[in-house]
Amino acid sequence: MAQLMTEKLSLGEITRREVEKYVGHTHGAVMYSLFDDKQQRYGVVIIPEADSERPAYVAVMARIVGSYIVIDEDGTLDKPLYQALMVNAGIPRDQIVLAYKGEKLPHIH
C-alpha cells in the first residue's frame, strides 16, 4: 500500500517533479532536464542526433513567479504541462499562466 505524503511541497518542487516526467527517450534525440532551483526555473531540452538537420529545442519550460506557475513553452502534443499540474498535483488552472499562448500574469502587489 502506498504511503501518503504528509509534507506539503512548494510550487517549485511540484513544478520540478512534473517537468522531470517529460525527460525520457525519443527516437533520434536525447532529452535533458534543465533545473535551476534557486531561480525556480524548470525545463526539458531536446538535442537531436548529430546527423539531424533539426536544431535543439525546448520541449517544456516553466518558472515560478510569486504564487503562479508560468509556462513559457510547451511543445508537447499529447500531454500538456498545465494539465499534468492540474491532474497530478491539484494546482488550480487560475494559478497557471500559459505565457506561450499569450496569457499574462495578473498584477502582483
PDB file of N, CA and C in Angstrom:
ATOM      1  N   MET A   1       0.846  -1.178   0.000  1.00  0.00           N
ATOM      2  CA  MET A   1       0.000   0.000   0.000  1.00  0.00           C
ATOM      3  C   MET A   1       0.893   1.244   0.000  1.00  0.00           C
ATOM      4  N   ALA A   2       0.578   2.193  -0.847  1.00  0.00           N
ATOM      5  CA  ALA A   2       1.374   3.416  -0.939  1.00  0.00           C
ATOM      6  C   ALA A   2       1.155   4.279   0.291  1.00  0.00           C
ATOM      7  N   GLN A   3       2.239   4.834   0.758  1.00  0.00           N
ATOM      8  CA  GLN A   3       2.161   5.696   1.935  1.00  0.00           C
ATOM      9  C   GLN A   3       1.827   7.114   1.484  1.00  0.00           C
ATOM     10  N   LEU A   4       0.895   7.765   2.151  1.00  0.00           N
ATOM     11  CA  LEU A   4       0.503   9.126   1.804  1.00  0.00           C
ATOM     12  C   LEU A   4       1.607  10.106   2.160  1.00  0.00           C
ATOM     13  N   MET A   5       1.781  11.123   1.293  1.00  0.00           N
ATOM     14  CA  MET A   5       2.774  12.164   1.593  1.00  0.00           C
ATOM     15  C   MET A   5       2.194  13.091   2.652  1.00  0.00           C
ATOM     16  N   THR A   6       2.959  13.334   3.692  1.00  0.00           N
ATOM     17  CA  THR A   6       2.482  14.211   4.747  1.00  0.00           C
ATOM     18  C   THR A   6       3.067  15.607   4.639  1.00  0.00           C
ATOM     19  N   GLU A   7       4.138  15.763   3.880  1.00  0.00           N
ATOM     20  CA  GLU A   7       4.730  17.089   3.750  1.00  0.00           C
ATOM     21  C   GLU A   7       4.093  17.851   2.591  1.00  0.00           C
ATOM     22  N   LYS A   8       4.028  19.148   2.730  1.00  0.00           N
ATOM     23  CA  LYS A   8       3.464  19.985   1.671  1.00  0.00           C
ATOM     24  C   LYS A   8       4.613  20.457   0.786  1.00  0.00           C
ATOM     25  N   LEU A   9       4.484  20.228  -0.501  1.00  0.00           N
ATOM     26  CA  LEU A   9       5.515  20.620  -1.445  1.00  0.00           C
ATOM     27  C   LEU A   9       5.305  22.065  -1.893  1.00  0.00           C
ATOM     28  N   SER A  10       6.405  22.759  -2.169  1.00  0.00           N
ATOM     29  CA  SER A  10       6.326  24.118  -2.696  1.00  0.00           C
ATOM     30  C   SER A  10       5.948  24.061  -4.177  1.00  0.00           C
ATOM     31  N   LEU A  11       5.536  25.193  -4.730  1.00  0.00           N
ATOM     32  CA  LEU A  11       5.229  25.245  -6.158  1.00  0.00           C
ATOM     33  C   LEU A  11       6.440  24.852  -6.991  1.00  0.00           C
ATOM     34  N   GLY A  12       7.622  25.267  -6.552  1.00  0.00           N
ATOM     35  CA  GLY A  12       8.842  24.900  -7.266  1.00  0.00           C
ATOM     36  C   GLY A  12       9.070  23.400  -7.261  1.00  0.00           C
ATOM     37  N   GLU A  13       8.882  22.775  -6.118  1.00  0.00           N
ATOM     38  CA  GLU A  13       9.071  21.322  -6.020  1.00  0.00           C
ATOM     39  C   GLU A  13       8.045  20.575  -6.870  1.00  0.00           C
ATOM     40  N   ILE A  14       6.823  21.045  -6.849  1.00  0.00           N
ATOM     41  CA  ILE A  14       5.763  20.429  -7.656  1.00  0.00           C
ATOM     42  C   ILE A  14       6.077  20.578  -9.140  1.00  0.00           C
ATOM     43  N   THR A  15       6.449  21.777  -9.547  1.00  0.00           N
ATOM     44  CA  THR A  15       6.748  22.040 -10.953  1.00  0.00           C
ATOM     45  C   THR A  15       7.939  21.223 -11.416  1.00  0.00           C
ATOM     46  N   ARG A  16       8.987  21.174 -10.603  1.00  0.00           N
ATOM     47  CA  ARG A  16      10.165  20.375 -10.951  1.00  0.00           C
ATOM     48  C   ARG A  16       9.772  18.911 -11.136  1.00  0.00           C
ATOM     49  N   ARG A  17       8.987  18.386 -10.224  1.00  0.00           N
ATOM     50  CA  ARG A  17       8.568  16.989 -10.287  1.00  0.00           C
ATOM     51  C   ARG A  17       7.792  16.697 -11.572  1.00  0.00           C
ATOM     52  N   GLU A  18       6.865  17.582 -11.926  1.00  0.00           N
ATOM     53  CA  GLU A  18       6.053  17.354 -13.123  1.00  0.00           C
ATOM     54  C   GLU A  18       6.860  17.544 -14.400  1.00  0.00           C
ATOM     55  N   VAL A  19       7.733  18.543 -14.448  1.00  0.00           N
ATOM     56  CA  VAL A  19       8.574  18.763 -15.631  1.00  0.00           C
ATOM     57  C   VAL A  19       9.526  17.588 -15.829  1.00  0.00           C
ATOM     58  N   GLU A  20      10.057  17.067 -14.745  1.00  0.00           N
ATOM     59  CA  GLU A  20      11.009  15.956 -14.820  1.00  0.00           C
ATOM     60  C   GLU A  20      10.392  14.728 -15.494  1.00  0.00           C
ATOM     61  N   LYS A  21       9.106  14.573 -15.419  1.00  0.00           N
ATOM     62  CA  LYS A  21       8.419  13.438 -16.048  1.00  0.00           C
ATOM     63  C   LYS A  21       8.493  13.491 -17.576  1.00  0.00           C
ATOM     64  N   TYR A  22       8.842  14.649 -18.136  1.00  0.00           N
ATOM     65  CA  TYR A  22       8.940  14.780 -19.583  1.00  0.00           C
ATOM     66  C   TYR A  22      10.282  14.304 -20.129  1.00  0.00           C
ATOM     67  N   VAL A  23      11.250  14.067 -19.261  1.00  0.00           N
ATOM     68  CA  VAL A  23      12.551  13.567 -19.690  1.00  0.00           C
ATOM     69  C   VAL A  23      12.407  12.077 -19.977  1.00  0.00           C
ATOM     70  N   GLY A  24      12.920  11.663 -21.104  1.00  0.00           N
ATOM     71  CA  GLY A  24      12.844  10.256 -21.470  1.00  0.00           C
ATOM     72  C   GLY A  24      13.594  10.027 -22.756  1.00  0.00           C
ATOM     73  N   HIS A  25      13.321   8.925 -23.364  1.00  0.00           N
ATOM     74  CA  HIS A  25      13.978   8.592 -24.628  1.00  0.00           C
ATOM     75  C   HIS A  25      13.043   8.910 -25.774  1.00  0.00           C
ATOM     76  N   THR A  26      13.612   9.417 -26.828  1.00  0.00           N
ATOM     77  CA  THR A  26      12.838   9.688 -28.025  1.00  0.00           C
ATOM     78  C   THR A  26      13.681   9.274 -29.218  1.00  0.00           C
ATOM     79  N   HIS A  27      13.042   8.886 -30.271  1.00  0.00           N
ATOM     80  CA  HIS A  27      13.754   8.414 -31.454  1.00  0.00           C
ATOM     81  C   HIS A  27      14.588   9.543 -32.067  1.00  0.00           C
ATOM     82  N   GLY A  28      15.868   9.314 -32.205  1.00  0.00           N
ATOM     83  CA  GLY A  28      16.742  10.256 -32.896  1.00  0.00           C
ATOM     84  C   GLY A  28      17.161  11.472 -32.107  1.00  0.00           C
ATOM     85  N   ALA A  29      16.941  11.464 -30.787  1.00  0.00           N
ATOM     86  CA  ALA A  29      17.309  12.631 -29.979  1.00  0.00           C
ATOM     87  C   ALA A  29      17.510  12.228 -28.519  1.00  0.00           C
ATOM     88  N   VAL A  30      18.165  13.107 -27.792  1.00  0.00           N
ATOM     89  CA  VAL A  30      18.365  12.924 -26.358  1.00  0.00           C
ATOM     90  C   VAL A  30      17.666  14.076 -25.652  1.00  0.00           C
ATOM     91  N   MET A  31      16.978  13.760 -24.552  1.00  0.00           N
ATOM     92  CA  MET A  31      16.268  14.779 -23.781  1.00  0.00           C
ATOM     93  C   MET A  31      17.014  15.029 -22.477  1.00  0.00           C
ATOM     94  N   TYR A  32      17.206  16.297 -22.142  1.00  0.00           N
ATOM     95  CA  TYR A  32      17.900  16.683 -20.922  1.00  0.00           C
ATOM     96  C   TYR A  32      17.017  17.604 -20.082  1.00  0.00           C
ATOM     97  N   SER A  33      17.092  17.421 -18.774  1.00  0.00           N
ATOM     98  CA  SER A  33      16.398  18.341 -17.875  1.00  0.00           C
ATOM     99  C   SER A  33      17.298  19.538 -17.599  1.00  0.00           C
ATOM    100  N   LEU A  34      16.687  20.684 -17.450  1.00  0.00           N
ATOM    101  CA  LEU A  34      17.378  21.926 -17.106  1.00  0.00           C
ATOM    102  C   LEU A  34      16.668  22.507 -15.890  1.00  0.00           C
ATOM    103  N   PHE A  35      17.252  22.319 -14.715  1.00  0.00           N
ATOM    104  CA  PHE A  35      16.609  22.770 -13.489  1.00  0.00           C
ATOM    105  C   PHE A  35      17.480  23.787 -12.774  1.00  0.00           C
ATOM    106  N   ASP A  36      16.871  24.873 -12.338  1.00  0.00           N
ATOM    107  CA  ASP A  36      17.527  25.889 -11.529  1.00  0.00           C
ATOM    108  C   ASP A  36      16.616  26.136 -10.329  1.00  0.00           C
ATOM    109  N   ASP A  37      16.863  25.404  -9.254  1.00  0.00           N
ATOM    110  CA  ASP A  37      16.004  25.514  -8.072  1.00  0.00           C
ATOM    111  C   ASP A  37      16.113  26.885  -7.409  1.00  0.00           C
ATOM    112  N   LYS A  38      17.277  27.504  -7.473  1.00  0.00           N
ATOM    113  CA  LYS A  38      17.451  28.814  -6.840  1.00  0.00           C
ATOM    114  C   LYS A  38      16.555  29.869  -7.505  1.00  0.00           C
ATOM    115  N   GLN A  39      16.527  29.864  -8.830  1.00  0.00           N
ATOM    116  CA  GLN A  39      15.693  30.826  -9.556  1.00  0.00           C
ATOM    117  C   GLN A  39      14.324  30.252  -9.917  1.00  0.00           C
ATOM    118  N   GLN A  40      14.084  29.012  -9.547  1.00  0.00           N
ATOM    119  CA  GLN A  40      12.821  28.316  -9.778  1.00  0.00           C
ATOM    120  C   GLN A  40      12.425  28.308 -11.254  1.00  0.00           C
ATOM    121  N   ARG A  41      13.322  27.748 -12.059  1.00  0.00           N
ATOM    122  CA  ARG A  41      13.099  27.583 -13.494  1.00  0.00           C
ATOM    123  C   ARG A  41      13.337  26.112 -13.829  1.00  0.00           C
ATOM    124  N   TYR A  42      12.414  25.534 -14.617  1.00  0.00           N
ATOM    125  CA  TYR A  42      12.451  24.100 -14.865  1.00  0.00           C
ATOM    126  C   TYR A  42      12.101  23.827 -16.320  1.00  0.00           C
ATOM    127  N   GLY A  43      12.957  23.046 -16.982  1.00  0.00           N
ATOM    128  CA  GLY A  43      12.691  22.771 -18.383  1.00  0.00           C
ATOM    129  C   GLY A  43      13.280  21.464 -18.862  1.00  0.00           C
ATOM    130  N   VAL A  44      12.907  21.121 -20.082  1.00  0.00           N
ATOM    131  CA  VAL A  44      13.452  19.955 -20.779  1.00  0.00           C
ATOM    132  C   VAL A  44      13.812  20.411 -22.184  1.00  0.00           C
ATOM    133  N   VAL A  45      15.044  20.106 -22.583  1.00  0.00           N
ATOM    134  CA  VAL A  45      15.518  20.443 -23.918  1.00  0.00           C
ATOM    135  C   VAL A  45      15.745  19.138 -24.682  1.00  0.00           C
ATOM    136  N   ILE A  46      15.492  19.188 -25.987  1.00  0.00           N
ATOM    137  CA  ILE A  46      15.678  18.024 -26.841  1.00  0.00           C
ATOM    138  C   ILE A  46      16.822  18.324 -27.805  1.00  0.00           C
ATOM    139  N   ILE A  47      17.834  17.449 -27.786  1.00  0.00           N
ATOM    140  CA  ILE A  47      19.008  17.596 -28.642  1.00  0.00           C
ATOM    141  C   ILE A  47      18.974  16.464 -29.677  1.00  0.00           C
ATOM    142  N   PRO A  48      18.724  16.783 -30.942  1.00  0.00           N
ATOM    143  CA  PRO A  48      18.698  15.747 -31.973  1.00  0.00           C
ATOM    144  C   PRO A  48      20.082  15.130 -32.169  1.00  0.00           C
ATOM    145  N   GLU A  49      20.096  13.925 -32.746  1.00  0.00           N
ATOM    146  CA  GLU A  49      21.359  13.265 -33.042  1.00  0.00           C
ATOM    147  C   GLU A  49      22.152  14.101 -34.038  1.00  0.00           C
ATOM    148  N   ALA A  50      23.453  13.855 -34.097  1.00  0.00           N
ATOM    149  CA  ALA A  50      24.365  14.661 -34.910  1.00  0.00           C
ATOM    150  C   ALA A  50      23.964  14.741 -36.382  1.00  0.00           C
ATOM    151  N   ASP A  51      23.380  13.714 -36.946  1.00  0.00           N
ATOM    152  CA  ASP A  51      23.055  13.735 -38.372  1.00  0.00           C
ATOM    153  C   ASP A  51      21.705  14.397 -38.677  1.00  0.00           C
ATOM    154  N   SER A  52      21.044  14.919 -37.677  1.00  0.00           N
ATOM    155  CA  SER A  52      19.754  15.574 -37.873  1.00  0.00           C
ATOM    156  C   SER A  52      19.949  17.019 -38.323  1.00  0.00           C
ATOM    157  N   GLU A  53      19.042  17.486 -39.149  1.00  0.00           N
ATOM    158  CA  GLU A  53      19.094  18.885 -39.573  1.00  0.00           C
ATOM    159  C   GLU A  53      18.295  19.790 -38.645  1.00  0.00           C
ATOM    160  N   ARG A  54      17.535  19.189 -37.747  1.00  0.00           N
ATOM    161  CA  ARG A  54      16.730  19.980 -36.815  1.00  0.00           C
ATOM    162  C   ARG A  54      17.615  20.470 -35.665  1.00  0.00           C
ATOM    163  N   PRO A  55      17.487  21.732 -35.279  1.00  0.00           N
ATOM    164  CA  PRO A  55      18.275  22.239 -34.145  1.00  0.00           C
ATOM    165  C   PRO A  55      17.689  21.762 -32.806  1.00  0.00           C
ATOM    166  N   ALA A  56      18.437  21.956 -31.760  1.00  0.00           N
ATOM    167  CA  ALA A  56      17.939  21.664 -30.411  1.00  0.00           C
ATOM    168  C   ALA A  56      16.741  22.569 -30.132  1.00  0.00           C
ATOM    169  N   TYR A  57      15.828  22.089 -29.287  1.00  0.00           N
ATOM    170  CA  TYR A  57      14.672  22.912 -28.958  1.00  0.00           C
ATOM    171  C   TYR A  57      14.158  22.574 -27.561  1.00  0.00           C
ATOM    172  N   VAL A  58      13.396  23.502 -27.011  1.00  0.00           N
ATOM    173  CA  VAL A  58      12.836  23.351 -25.679  1.00  0.00           C
ATOM    174  C   VAL A  58      11.499  22.631 -25.796  1.00  0.00           C
ATOM    175  N   ALA A  59      11.363  21.523 -25.064  1.00  0.00           N
ATOM    176  CA  ALA A  59      10.096  20.789 -25.061  1.00  0.00           C
ATOM    177  C   ALA A  59       9.114  21.455 -24.104  1.00  0.00           C
ATOM    178  N   VAL A  60       9.549  21.670 -22.862  1.00  0.00           N
ATOM    179  CA  VAL A  60       8.741  22.380 -21.862  1.00  0.00           C
ATOM    180  C   VAL A  60       9.648  23.283 -21.039  1.00  0.00           C
ATOM    181  N   MET A  61       9.113  24.422 -20.621  1.00  0.00           N
ATOM    182  CA  MET A  61       9.848  25.358 -19.771  1.00  0.00           C
ATOM    183  C   MET A  61       8.845  26.070 -18.883  1.00  0.00           C
ATOM    184  N   ALA A  62       9.105  26.050 -17.577  1.00  0.00           N
ATOM    185  CA  ALA A  62       8.213  26.709 -16.624  1.00  0.00           C
ATOM    186  C   ALA A  62       9.033  27.399 -15.545  1.00  0.00           C
ATOM    187  N   ARG A  63       8.415  28.391 -14.909  1.00  0.00           N
ATOM    188  CA  ARG A  63       9.072  29.116 -13.815  1.00  0.00           C
ATOM    189  C   ARG A  63       8.017  29.519 -12.803  1.00  0.00           C
ATOM    190  N   ILE A  64       8.496  29.815 -11.615  1.00  0.00           N
ATOM    191  CA  ILE A  64       7.607  30.250 -10.539  1.00  0.00           C
ATOM    192  C   ILE A  64       7.745  31.760 -10.397  1.00  0.00           C
ATOM    193  N   VAL A  65       6.613  32.449 -10.361  1.00  0.00           N
ATOM    194  CA  VAL A  65       6.574  33.891 -10.126  1.00  0.00           C
ATOM    195  C   VAL A  65       5.529  34.113  -9.044  1.00  0.00           C
ATOM    196  N   GLY A  66       5.986  34.430  -7.848  1.00  0.00           N
ATOM    197  CA  GLY A  66       5.065  34.601  -6.733  1.00  0.00           C
ATOM    198  C   GLY A  66       4.322  33.311  -6.472  1.00  0.00           C
ATOM    199  N   SER A  67       2.999  33.359  -6.543  1.00  0.00           N
ATOM    200  CA  SER A  67       2.188  32.163  -6.308  1.00  0.00           C
ATOM    201  C   SER A  67       1.668  31.562  -7.616  1.00  0.00           C
ATOM    202  N   TYR A  68       2.341  31.874  -8.729  1.00  0.00           N
ATOM    203  CA  TYR A  68       1.925  31.392 -10.045  1.00  0.00           C
ATOM    204  C   TYR A  68       3.002  30.511 -10.674  1.00  0.00           C
ATOM    205  N   ILE A  69       2.534  29.558 -11.479  1.00  0.00           N
ATOM    206  CA  ILE A  69       3.419  28.776 -12.330  1.00  0.00           C
ATOM    207  C   ILE A  69       3.242  29.338 -13.734  1.00  0.00           C
ATOM    208  N   VAL A  70       4.321  29.875 -14.290  1.00  0.00           N
ATOM    209  CA  VAL A  70       4.286  30.444 -15.630  1.00  0.00           C
ATOM    210  C   VAL A  70       4.931  29.427 -16.571  1.00  0.00           C
ATOM    211  N   ILE A  71       4.166  28.978 -17.542  1.00  0.00           N
ATOM    212  CA  ILE A  71       4.689  28.033 -18.528  1.00  0.00           C
ATOM    213  C   ILE A  71       5.066  28.838 -19.767  1.00  0.00           C
ATOM    214  N   ASP A  72       6.379  28.954 -20.001  1.00  0.00           N
ATOM    215  CA  ASP A  72       6.882  29.750 -21.121  1.00  0.00           C
ATOM    216  C   ASP A  72       6.878  28.985 -22.438  1.00  0.00           C
ATOM    217  N   GLU A  73       6.994  27.670 -22.361  1.00  0.00           N
ATOM    218  CA  GLU A  73       6.997  26.844 -23.576  1.00  0.00           C
ATOM    219  C   GLU A  73       6.401  25.488 -23.255  1.00  0.00           C
ATOM    220  N   ASP A  74       5.630  24.974 -24.180  1.00  0.00           N
ATOM    221  CA  ASP A  74       5.108  23.616 -24.060  1.00  0.00           C
ATOM    222  C   ASP A  74       4.904  23.085 -25.467  1.00  0.00           C
ATOM    223  N   GLY A  75       5.895  22.340 -25.933  1.00  0.00           N
ATOM    224  CA  GLY A  75       5.853  21.787 -27.280  1.00  0.00           C
ATOM    225  C   GLY A  75       5.320  20.370 -27.306  1.00  0.00           C
ATOM    226  N   THR A  76       4.728  19.926 -26.219  1.00  0.00           N
ATOM    227  CA  THR A  76       4.180  18.571 -26.186  1.00  0.00           C
ATOM    228  C   THR A  76       2.880  18.538 -26.975  1.00  0.00           C
ATOM    229  N   LEU A  77       2.600  17.412 -27.565  1.00  0.00           N
ATOM    230  CA  LEU A  77       1.374  17.295 -28.356  1.00  0.00           C
ATOM    231  C   LEU A  77       0.263  16.592 -27.589  1.00  0.00           C
ATOM    232  N   ASP A  78       0.624  15.611 -26.774  1.00  0.00           N
ATOM    233  CA  ASP A  78      -0.404  14.777 -26.167  1.00  0.00           C
ATOM    234  C   ASP A  78      -0.545  14.902 -24.659  1.00  0.00           C
ATOM    235  N   LYS A  79       0.364  15.598 -23.995  1.00  0.00           N
ATOM    236  CA  LYS A  79       0.241  15.747 -22.542  1.00  0.00           C
ATOM    237  C   LYS A  79       0.760  17.112 -22.090  1.00  0.00           C
ATOM    238  N   PRO A  80      -0.066  18.140 -22.245  1.00  0.00           N
ATOM    239  CA  PRO A  80       0.349  19.488 -21.863  1.00  0.00           C
ATOM    240  C   PRO A  80       0.714  19.581 -20.381  1.00  0.00           C
ATOM    241  N   LEU A  81       1.743  20.356 -20.098  1.00  0.00           N
ATOM    242  CA  LEU A  81       2.220  20.517 -18.723  1.00  0.00           C
ATOM    243  C   LEU A  81       1.129  21.078 -17.816  1.00  0.00           C
ATOM    244  N   TYR A  82       0.350  22.035 -18.290  1.00  0.00           N
ATOM    245  CA  TYR A  82      -0.668  22.616 -17.404  1.00  0.00           C
ATOM    246  C   TYR A  82      -1.669  21.557 -16.953  1.00  0.00           C
ATOM    247  N   GLN A  83      -2.002  20.612 -17.835  1.00  0.00           N
ATOM    248  CA  GLN A  83      -2.921  19.542 -17.442  1.00  0.00           C
ATOM    249  C   GLN A  83      -2.280  18.614 -16.414  1.00  0.00           C
ATOM    250  N   ALA A  84      -0.993  18.308 -16.595  1.00  0.00           N
ATOM    251  CA  ALA A  84      -0.287  17.462 -15.630  1.00  0.00           C
ATOM    252  C   ALA A  84      -0.260  18.132 -14.264  1.00  0.00           C
ATOM    253  N   LEU A  85      -0.028  19.431 -14.231  1.00  0.00           N
ATOM    254  CA  LEU A  85      -0.005  20.167 -12.962  1.00  0.00           C
ATOM    255  C   LEU A  85      -1.376  20.137 -12.288  1.00  0.00           C
ATOM    256  N   MET A  86      -2.429  20.267 -13.067  1.00  0.00           N
ATOM    257  CA  MET A  86      -3.780  20.255 -12.511  1.00  0.00           C
ATOM    258  C   MET A  86      -4.173  18.854 -12.036  1.00  0.00           C
ATOM    259  N   VAL A  87      -3.959  17.843 -12.870  1.00  0.00           N
ATOM    260  CA  VAL A  87      -4.399  16.481 -12.558  1.00  0.00           C
ATOM    261  C   VAL A  87      -3.518  15.823 -11.505  1.00  0.00           C
ATOM    262  N   ASN A  88      -2.208  15.875 -11.695  1.00  0.00           N
ATOM    263  CA  ASN A  88      -1.282  15.159 -10.802  1.00  0.00           C
ATOM    264  C   ASN A  88      -1.012  15.892  -9.494  1.00  0.00           C
ATOM    265  N   ALA A  89      -1.062  17.221  -9.520  1.00  0.00           N
ATOM    266  CA  ALA A  89      -0.662  17.991  -8.336  1.00  0.00           C
ATOM    267  C   ALA A  89      -1.790  18.835  -7.750  1.00  0.00           C
ATOM    268  N   GLY A  90      -2.939  18.888  -8.425  1.00  0.00           N
ATOM    269  CA  GLY A  90      -4.063  19.651  -7.893  1.00  0.00           C
ATOM    270  C   GLY A  90      -3.890  21.157  -7.949  1.00  0.00           C
ATOM    271  N   ILE A  91      -3.045  21.638  -8.855  1.00  0.00           N
ATOM    272  CA  ILE A  91      -2.849  23.085  -8.994  1.00  0.00           C
ATOM    273  C   ILE A  91      -4.058  23.655  -9.743  1.00  0.00           C
ATOM    274  N   PRO A  92      -4.720  24.682  -9.191  1.00  0.00           N
ATOM    275  CA  PRO A  92      -5.872  25.272  -9.887  1.00  0.00           C
ATOM    276  C   PRO A  92      -5.442  25.967 -11.180  1.00  0.00           C
ATOM    277  N   ARG A  93      -6.285  25.895 -12.198  1.00  0.00           N
ATOM    278  CA  ARG A  93      -5.956  26.492 -13.502  1.00  0.00           C
ATOM    279  C   ARG A  93      -5.663  27.984 -13.380  1.00  0.00           C
ATOM    280  N   ASP A  94      -6.351  28.685 -12.467  1.00  0.00           N
ATOM    281  CA  ASP A  94      -6.117  30.126 -12.345  1.00  0.00           C
ATOM    282  C   ASP A  94      -4.781  30.466 -11.688  1.00  0.00           C
ATOM    283  N   GLN A  95      -4.033  29.462 -11.290  1.00  0.00           N
ATOM    284  CA  GLN A  95      -2.695  29.667 -10.722  1.00  0.00           C
ATOM    285  C   GLN A  95      -1.615  29.329 -11.754  1.00  0.00           C
ATOM    286  N   ILE A  96      -2.050  28.978 -12.965  1.00  0.00           N
ATOM    287  CA  ILE A  96      -1.139  28.614 -14.048  1.00  0.00           C
ATOM    288  C   ILE A  96      -1.299  29.624 -15.177  1.00  0.00           C
ATOM    289  N   VAL A  97      -0.182  30.190 -15.626  1.00  0.00           N
ATOM    290  CA  VAL A  97      -0.183  31.170 -16.707  1.00  0.00           C
ATOM    291  C   VAL A  97       0.470  30.531 -17.924  1.00  0.00           C
ATOM    292  N   LEU A  98      -0.261  30.475 -19.031  1.00  0.00           N
ATOM    293  CA  LEU A  98       0.264  29.917 -20.273  1.00  0.00           C
ATOM    294  C   LEU A  98       0.863  31.044 -21.107  1.00  0.00           C
ATOM    295  N   ALA A  99       2.075  31.436 -20.764  1.00  0.00           N
ATOM    296  CA  ALA A  99       2.739  32.541 -21.453  1.00  0.00           C
ATOM    297  C   ALA A  99       2.937  32.229 -22.940  1.00  0.00           C
ATOM    298  N   TYR A 100       3.183  30.963 -23.266  1.00  0.00           N
ATOM    299  CA  TYR A 100       3.380  30.582 -24.669  1.00  0.00           C
ATOM    300  C   TYR A 100       2.109  30.750 -25.493  1.00  0.00           C
ATOM    301  N   LYS A 101       0.964  30.920 -24.843  1.00  0.00           N
ATOM    302  CA  LYS A 101      -0.304  31.167 -25.535  1.00  0.00           C
ATOM    303  C   LYS A 101      -0.744  32.622 -25.389  1.00  0.00           C
ATOM    304  N   GLY A 102       0.143  33.468 -24.857  1.00  0.00           N
ATOM    305  CA  GLY A 102      -0.162  34.891 -24.743  1.00  0.00           C
ATOM    306  C   GLY A 102      -0.797  35.320 -23.436  1.00  0.00           C
ATOM    307  N   GLU A 103      -1.007  34.395 -22.498  1.00  0.00           N
ATOM    308  CA  GLU A 103      -1.576  34.787 -21.207  1.00  0.00           C
ATOM    309  C   GLU A 103      -0.557  35.620 -20.425  1.00  0.00           C
ATOM    310  N   LYS A 104      -1.072  36.562 -19.662  1.00  0.00           N
ATOM    311  CA  LYS A 104      -0.234  37.451 -18.865  1.00  0.00           C
ATOM    312  C   LYS A 104      -0.435  37.182 -17.378  1.00  0.00           C
ATOM    313  N   LEU A 105       0.597  37.430 -16.609  1.00  0.00           N
ATOM    314  CA  LEU A 105       0.486  37.354 -15.149  1.00  0.00           C
ATOM    315  C   LEU A 105      -0.454  38.443 -14.662  1.00  0.00           C
ATOM    316  N   PRO A 106      -1.307  38.127 -13.698  1.00  0.00           N
ATOM    317  CA  PRO A 106      -2.108  39.197 -13.095  1.00  0.00           C
ATOM    318  C   PRO A 106      -1.180  40.176 -12.373  1.00  0.00           C
ATOM    319  N   HIS A 107      -1.655  41.361 -12.129  1.00  0.00           N
ATOM    320  CA  HIS A 107      -0.860  42.341 -11.389  1.00  0.00           C
ATOM    321  C   HIS A 107      -0.563  41.811 -10.010  1.00  0.00           C
ATOM    322  N   ILE A 108       0.724  41.691  -9.686  1.00  0.00           N
ATOM    323  CA  ILE A 108       1.142  41.169  -8.379  1.00  0.00           C
ATOM    324  C   ILE A 108       1.558  42.342  -7.503  1.00  0.00           C
ATOM    325  N   HIS A 109       0.990  42.403  -6.324  1.00  0.00           N
ATOM    326  CA  HIS A 109       1.312  43.504  -5.384  1.00  0.00           C
ATOM    327  C   HIS A 109       2.550  43.177  -4.609  1.00  0.00           C
TER     328      HIS A 109
END
